[in-house]
Amino acid sequence: MKMTLTILGFLALLPAGTALADDDCFVPMADWQPRDAVARLAEQNGWTVRRIKIDDGCYEIDGRDANGRRIEVTVHPGTLQVIKVDYEDEDDDRRRTGGRGGRGGD
């Protein structure tokens, strides 16, 4: 019985661990594609780039998609495969800027 609970506990934690590992890119810098290639990828997808940075060993594009929505795109640095696209909630932006400069909630 104790062994069964141990195995079930391990299996319950396994999906969470693999999901966390997917966010990190483990590629030697010598194998990275240049930033210009990331910018071309964004252009090909119709994205407007505000910034390209490195986060958890992956390229991260902050910008807007072809429809003007704010996006954050995680890109594998060696293959330039898009790993994840997050769409930013515009309502969150309004709440964050609401307290600065007396702009209110515009």
N, C-alpha and C. Protein backbone atom coordinates (compact mmCIF):
# COMPACT_ATOMS: atom_id res chain seq x y z
N MET A 1 0.82 -1.20 0.00
CA MET A 1 0.00 0.00 0.00
C MET A 1 0.86 1.26 0.00
N LYS A 2 1.92 1.25 0.82
CA LYS A 2 2.80 2.40 0.91
C LYS A 2 3.48 2.67 -0.44
N MET A 3 3.88 1.60 -1.13
CA MET A 3 4.53 1.75 -2.43
C MET A 3 3.55 2.32 -3.45
N THR A 4 2.30 1.89 -3.41
CA THR A 4 1.29 2.39 -4.33
C THR A 4 1.09 3.89 -4.14
N LEU A 5 1.02 4.33 -2.90
CA LEU A 5 0.87 5.77 -2.63
C LEU A 5 2.08 6.55 -3.09
N THR A 6 3.26 5.98 -2.93
CA THR A 6 4.48 6.65 -3.39
C THR A 6 4.47 6.81 -4.90
N ILE A 7 4.09 5.76 -5.60
CA ILE A 7 4.05 5.81 -7.07
C ILE A 7 2.98 6.81 -7.53
N LEU A 8 1.81 6.77 -6.91
CA LEU A 8 0.75 7.72 -7.28
C LEU A 8 1.18 9.16 -7.01
N GLY A 9 1.86 9.38 -5.89
CA GLY A 9 2.37 10.73 -5.59
C GLY A 9 3.37 11.20 -6.63
N PHE A 10 4.25 10.30 -7.05
CA PHE A 10 5.24 10.65 -8.07
C PHE A 10 4.55 10.97 -9.40
N LEU A 11 3.59 10.15 -9.79
CA LEU A 11 2.88 10.39 -11.05
C LEU A 11 2.07 11.68 -11.03
N ALA A 12 1.55 12.04 -9.87
CA ALA A 12 0.80 13.29 -9.76
C ALA A 12 1.69 14.50 -9.97
N LEU A 13 2.95 14.40 -9.57
CA LEU A 13 3.88 15.52 -9.72
C LEU A 13 4.53 15.58 -11.09
N LEU A 14 4.56 14.48 -11.80
CA LEU A 14 5.26 14.41 -13.08
C LEU A 14 4.76 15.41 -14.12
N PRO A 15 3.46 15.54 -14.41
CA PRO A 15 3.03 16.52 -15.41
C PRO A 15 3.41 17.95 -15.06
N ALA A 16 3.34 18.31 -13.79
CA ALA A 16 3.70 19.67 -13.39
C ALA A 16 5.17 19.93 -13.65
N GLY A 17 6.01 18.96 -13.41
CA GLY A 17 7.45 19.12 -13.63
C GLY A 17 7.79 19.26 -15.10
N THR A 18 7.14 18.48 -15.95
CA THR A 18 7.43 18.58 -17.38
C THR A 18 6.89 19.88 -17.96
N ALA A 19 5.79 20.38 -17.43
CA ALA A 19 5.25 21.65 -17.92
C ALA A 19 6.21 22.79 -17.59
N LEU A 20 6.82 22.77 -16.43
CA LEU A 20 7.76 23.81 -16.06
C LEU A 20 9.01 23.74 -16.92
N ALA A 21 9.45 22.55 -17.25
CA ALA A 21 10.68 22.40 -18.03
C ALA A 21 10.49 22.92 -19.45
N ASP A 22 9.27 22.90 -19.98
CA ASP A 22 9.02 23.34 -21.34
C ASP A 22 9.26 24.84 -21.52
N ASP A 23 9.23 25.62 -20.43
CA ASP A 23 9.42 27.06 -20.55
C ASP A 23 10.87 27.47 -20.69
N ASP A 24 11.80 26.56 -20.43
CA ASP A 24 13.21 26.88 -20.49
C ASP A 24 13.84 26.30 -21.75
N CYS A 25 14.77 27.04 -22.33
CA CYS A 25 15.50 26.58 -23.51
C CYS A 25 16.94 26.34 -23.09
N PHE A 26 17.41 25.15 -23.30
CA PHE A 26 18.77 24.81 -22.93
C PHE A 26 19.58 24.58 -24.20
N VAL A 27 20.11 25.66 -24.76
CA VAL A 27 20.86 25.61 -26.01
C VAL A 27 22.16 26.38 -25.81
N PRO A 28 23.31 25.79 -26.16
CA PRO A 28 24.56 26.55 -26.06
C PRO A 28 24.51 27.80 -26.95
N MET A 29 25.06 28.89 -26.46
CA MET A 29 25.02 30.17 -27.21
C MET A 29 25.59 30.03 -28.62
N ALA A 30 26.53 29.14 -28.81
CA ALA A 30 27.12 28.95 -30.14
C ALA A 30 26.10 28.43 -31.15
N ASP A 31 25.04 27.81 -30.66
CA ASP A 31 24.02 27.24 -31.54
C ASP A 31 22.80 28.14 -31.72
N TRP A 32 22.84 29.35 -31.17
CA TRP A 32 21.71 30.27 -31.27
C TRP A 32 21.64 30.91 -32.65
N GLN A 33 20.42 31.16 -33.11
CA GLN A 33 20.19 31.96 -34.30
C GLN A 33 20.36 33.43 -33.90
N PRO A 34 20.79 34.30 -34.82
CA PRO A 34 20.97 35.72 -34.48
C PRO A 34 19.64 36.43 -34.25
N ARG A 35 19.70 37.55 -33.53
CA ARG A 35 18.50 38.36 -33.26
C ARG A 35 17.81 38.81 -34.55
N ASP A 36 18.60 39.08 -35.57
CA ASP A 36 18.01 39.49 -36.86
C ASP A 36 17.06 38.42 -37.40
N ALA A 37 17.40 37.16 -37.19
CA ALA A 37 16.54 36.07 -37.64
C ALA A 37 15.23 36.06 -36.85
N VAL A 38 15.29 36.41 -35.57
CA VAL A 38 14.09 36.49 -34.74
C VAL A 38 13.22 37.64 -35.24
N ALA A 39 13.84 38.76 -35.56
CA ALA A 39 13.10 39.92 -36.08
C ALA A 39 12.43 39.57 -37.42
N ARG A 40 13.12 38.80 -38.27
CA ARG A 40 12.53 38.38 -39.55
C ARG A 40 11.34 37.45 -39.31
N LEU A 41 11.47 36.55 -38.32
CA LEU A 41 10.36 35.66 -37.96
C LEU A 41 9.14 36.47 -37.56
N ALA A 42 9.35 37.49 -36.75
CA ALA A 42 8.25 38.34 -36.31
C ALA A 42 7.61 39.04 -37.51
N GLU A 43 8.43 39.55 -38.39
CA GLU A 43 7.92 40.24 -39.58
C GLU A 43 7.10 39.30 -40.46
N GLN A 44 7.57 38.07 -40.62
CA GLN A 44 6.86 37.09 -41.44
C GLN A 44 5.49 36.75 -40.85
N ASN A 45 5.37 36.87 -39.52
CA ASN A 45 4.11 36.57 -38.86
C ASN A 45 3.22 37.80 -38.71
N GLY A 46 3.69 38.94 -39.19
CA GLY A 46 2.90 40.17 -39.11
C GLY A 46 2.93 40.82 -37.74
N TRP A 47 3.96 40.49 -36.94
CA TRP A 47 4.08 41.06 -35.60
C TRP A 47 4.92 42.33 -35.63
N THR A 48 4.53 43.31 -34.84
CA THR A 48 5.31 44.51 -34.64
C THR A 48 6.12 44.32 -33.36
N VAL A 49 7.43 44.42 -33.46
CA VAL A 49 8.31 44.14 -32.33
C VAL A 49 8.58 45.41 -31.54
N ARG A 50 8.32 45.35 -30.25
CA ARG A 50 8.70 46.42 -29.34
C ARG A 50 10.08 46.13 -28.75
N ARG A 51 10.29 44.83 -28.43
CA ARG A 51 11.56 44.44 -27.81
C ARG A 51 11.77 42.94 -28.00
N ILE A 52 13.02 42.56 -28.23
CA ILE A 52 13.42 41.16 -28.22
C ILE A 52 14.40 41.00 -27.07
N LYS A 53 14.07 40.08 -26.17
CA LYS A 53 14.95 39.86 -25.02
C LYS A 53 15.16 38.36 -24.82
N ILE A 54 15.99 38.02 -23.86
CA ILE A 54 16.25 36.64 -23.52
C ILE A 54 15.65 36.37 -22.14
N ASP A 55 14.84 35.30 -22.05
CA ASP A 55 14.21 34.94 -20.78
C ASP A 55 14.25 33.42 -20.65
N ASP A 56 14.80 32.92 -19.56
CA ASP A 56 14.93 31.48 -19.32
C ASP A 56 15.63 30.77 -20.47
N GLY A 57 16.59 31.43 -21.08
CA GLY A 57 17.36 30.83 -22.16
C GLY A 57 16.66 30.83 -23.50
N CYS A 58 15.48 31.43 -23.58
CA CYS A 58 14.72 31.52 -24.84
C CYS A 58 14.67 32.97 -25.30
N TYR A 59 14.47 33.16 -26.60
CA TYR A 59 14.15 34.50 -27.07
C TYR A 59 12.71 34.80 -26.67
N GLU A 60 12.44 36.05 -26.34
CA GLU A 60 11.09 36.49 -26.04
C GLU A 60 10.82 37.78 -26.81
N ILE A 61 9.76 37.76 -27.60
CA ILE A 61 9.37 38.93 -28.39
C ILE A 61 8.20 39.61 -27.68
N ASP A 62 8.36 40.87 -27.37
CA ASP A 62 7.26 41.68 -26.85
C ASP A 62 6.82 42.60 -27.98
N GLY A 63 5.54 42.62 -28.26
CA GLY A 63 5.06 43.48 -29.34
C GLY A 63 3.58 43.35 -29.54
N ARG A 64 3.16 43.47 -30.80
CA ARG A 64 1.74 43.39 -31.16
C ARG A 64 1.59 42.46 -32.36
N ASP A 65 0.46 41.75 -32.37
CA ASP A 65 0.19 40.88 -33.51
C ASP A 65 -0.40 41.69 -34.66
N ALA A 66 -0.76 41.03 -35.75
CA ALA A 66 -1.27 41.72 -36.93
C ALA A 66 -2.59 42.45 -36.66
N ASN A 67 -3.31 42.03 -35.60
CA ASN A 67 -4.58 42.68 -35.23
C ASN A 67 -4.40 43.77 -34.18
N GLY A 68 -3.16 44.04 -33.80
CA GLY A 68 -2.89 45.09 -32.83
C GLY A 68 -2.94 44.66 -31.38
N ARG A 69 -3.18 43.37 -31.13
CA ARG A 69 -3.19 42.88 -29.74
C ARG A 69 -1.78 42.73 -29.21
N ARG A 70 -1.59 43.08 -27.95
CA ARG A 70 -0.27 42.93 -27.33
C ARG A 70 0.03 41.45 -27.15
N ILE A 71 1.25 41.06 -27.53
CA ILE A 71 1.66 39.66 -27.43
C ILE A 71 3.03 39.54 -26.78
N GLU A 72 3.27 38.37 -26.24
CA GLU A 72 4.58 37.98 -25.75
C GLU A 72 4.82 36.59 -26.32
N VAL A 73 5.82 36.45 -27.18
CA VAL A 73 6.07 35.21 -27.90
C VAL A 73 7.40 34.63 -27.43
N THR A 74 7.38 33.36 -27.02
CA THR A 74 8.60 32.66 -26.63
C THR A 74 9.07 31.85 -27.82
N VAL A 75 10.36 32.02 -28.19
CA VAL A 75 10.92 31.41 -29.38
C VAL A 75 12.17 30.61 -29.00
N HIS A 76 12.27 29.38 -29.52
CA HIS A 76 13.46 28.55 -29.28
C HIS A 76 14.64 29.20 -29.99
N PRO A 77 15.75 29.43 -29.28
CA PRO A 77 16.87 30.17 -29.88
C PRO A 77 17.65 29.43 -30.95
N GLY A 78 17.58 28.10 -30.96
CA GLY A 78 18.33 27.34 -31.95
C GLY A 78 17.54 27.06 -33.21
N THR A 79 16.25 26.78 -33.05
CA THR A 79 15.42 26.39 -34.19
C THR A 79 14.47 27.50 -34.65
N LEU A 80 14.28 28.52 -33.81
CA LEU A 80 13.32 29.60 -34.04
C LEU A 80 11.88 29.09 -34.07
N GLN A 81 11.65 27.94 -33.45
CA GLN A 81 10.29 27.42 -33.31
C GLN A 81 9.57 28.24 -32.26
N VAL A 82 8.33 28.63 -32.56
CA VAL A 82 7.52 29.36 -31.59
C VAL A 82 7.05 28.35 -30.54
N ILE A 83 7.45 28.61 -29.30
CA ILE A 83 7.10 27.72 -28.19
C ILE A 83 5.77 28.11 -27.58
N LYS A 84 5.56 29.42 -27.42
CA LYS A 84 4.34 29.87 -26.75
C LYS A 84 4.02 31.29 -27.18
N VAL A 85 2.73 31.58 -27.33
CA VAL A 85 2.26 32.94 -27.61
C VAL A 85 1.28 33.31 -26.51
N ASP A 86 1.60 34.36 -25.78
CA ASP A 86 0.69 34.88 -24.75
C ASP A 86 0.10 36.18 -25.25
N TYR A 87 -1.22 36.30 -25.15
CA TYR A 87 -1.89 37.55 -25.50
C TYR A 87 -2.12 38.33 -24.22
N GLU A 88 -1.63 39.56 -24.19
CA GLU A 88 -1.78 40.41 -23.03
C GLU A 88 -3.20 40.95 -22.99
N ASP A 89 -3.78 41.06 -21.82
CA ASP A 89 -5.13 41.58 -21.63
C ASP A 89 -5.08 43.09 -21.55
N GLU A 90 -5.70 43.77 -22.49
CA GLU A 90 -5.67 45.23 -22.53
C GLU A 90 -6.30 45.83 -21.27
N ASP A 91 -7.29 45.16 -20.66
CA ASP A 91 -7.91 45.67 -19.43
C ASP A 91 -6.88 45.74 -18.31
N ASP A 92 -5.95 44.77 -18.26
CA ASP A 92 -4.90 44.80 -17.24
C ASP A 92 -4.01 46.02 -17.43
N ASP A 93 -3.73 46.39 -18.69
CA ASP A 93 -2.90 47.56 -18.96
C ASP A 93 -3.57 48.83 -18.46
N ARG A 94 -4.88 48.93 -18.67
CA ARG A 94 -5.60 50.13 -18.23
C ARG A 94 -5.56 50.26 -16.72
N ARG A 95 -5.72 49.15 -16.02
CA ARG A 95 -5.68 49.19 -14.56
C ARG A 95 -4.29 49.58 -14.08
N ARG A 96 -3.24 49.09 -14.74
CA ARG A 96 -1.88 49.40 -14.32
C ARG A 96 -1.54 50.87 -14.55
N THR A 97 -2.01 51.47 -15.64
CA THR A 97 -1.67 52.85 -15.94
C THR A 97 -2.63 53.83 -15.28
N GLY A 98 -3.73 53.33 -14.72
CA GLY A 98 -4.75 54.19 -14.15
C GLY A 98 -4.25 55.08 -13.03
N GLY A 99 -3.27 54.65 -12.26
CA GLY A 99 -2.82 55.44 -11.12
C GLY A 99 -1.69 56.39 -11.44
N ARG A 100 -1.17 56.36 -12.66
CA ARG A 100 -0.03 57.22 -13.00
C ARG A 100 -0.45 58.48 -13.70
N GLY A 101 0.11 59.59 -13.31
CA GLY A 101 -0.06 60.84 -14.03
C GLY A 101 -1.46 61.38 -14.05
N GLY A 102 -2.33 60.90 -13.20
CA GLY A 102 -3.69 61.42 -13.14
C GLY A 102 -4.52 61.10 -14.36
N ARG A 103 -4.14 60.05 -15.09
CA ARG A 103 -4.85 59.72 -16.31
C ARG A 103 -6.17 59.02 -16.06
N GLY A 104 -6.36 58.51 -14.87
CA GLY A 104 -7.61 57.81 -14.58
C GLY A 104 -7.62 56.48 -15.29
N GLY A 105 -8.76 55.98 -15.63
CA GLY A 105 -8.88 54.67 -16.26
C GLY A 105 -9.12 54.74 -17.73
N ASP A 106 -8.50 55.67 -18.43
CA ASP A 106 -8.78 55.81 -19.87
C ASP A 106 -8.24 54.73 -20.68
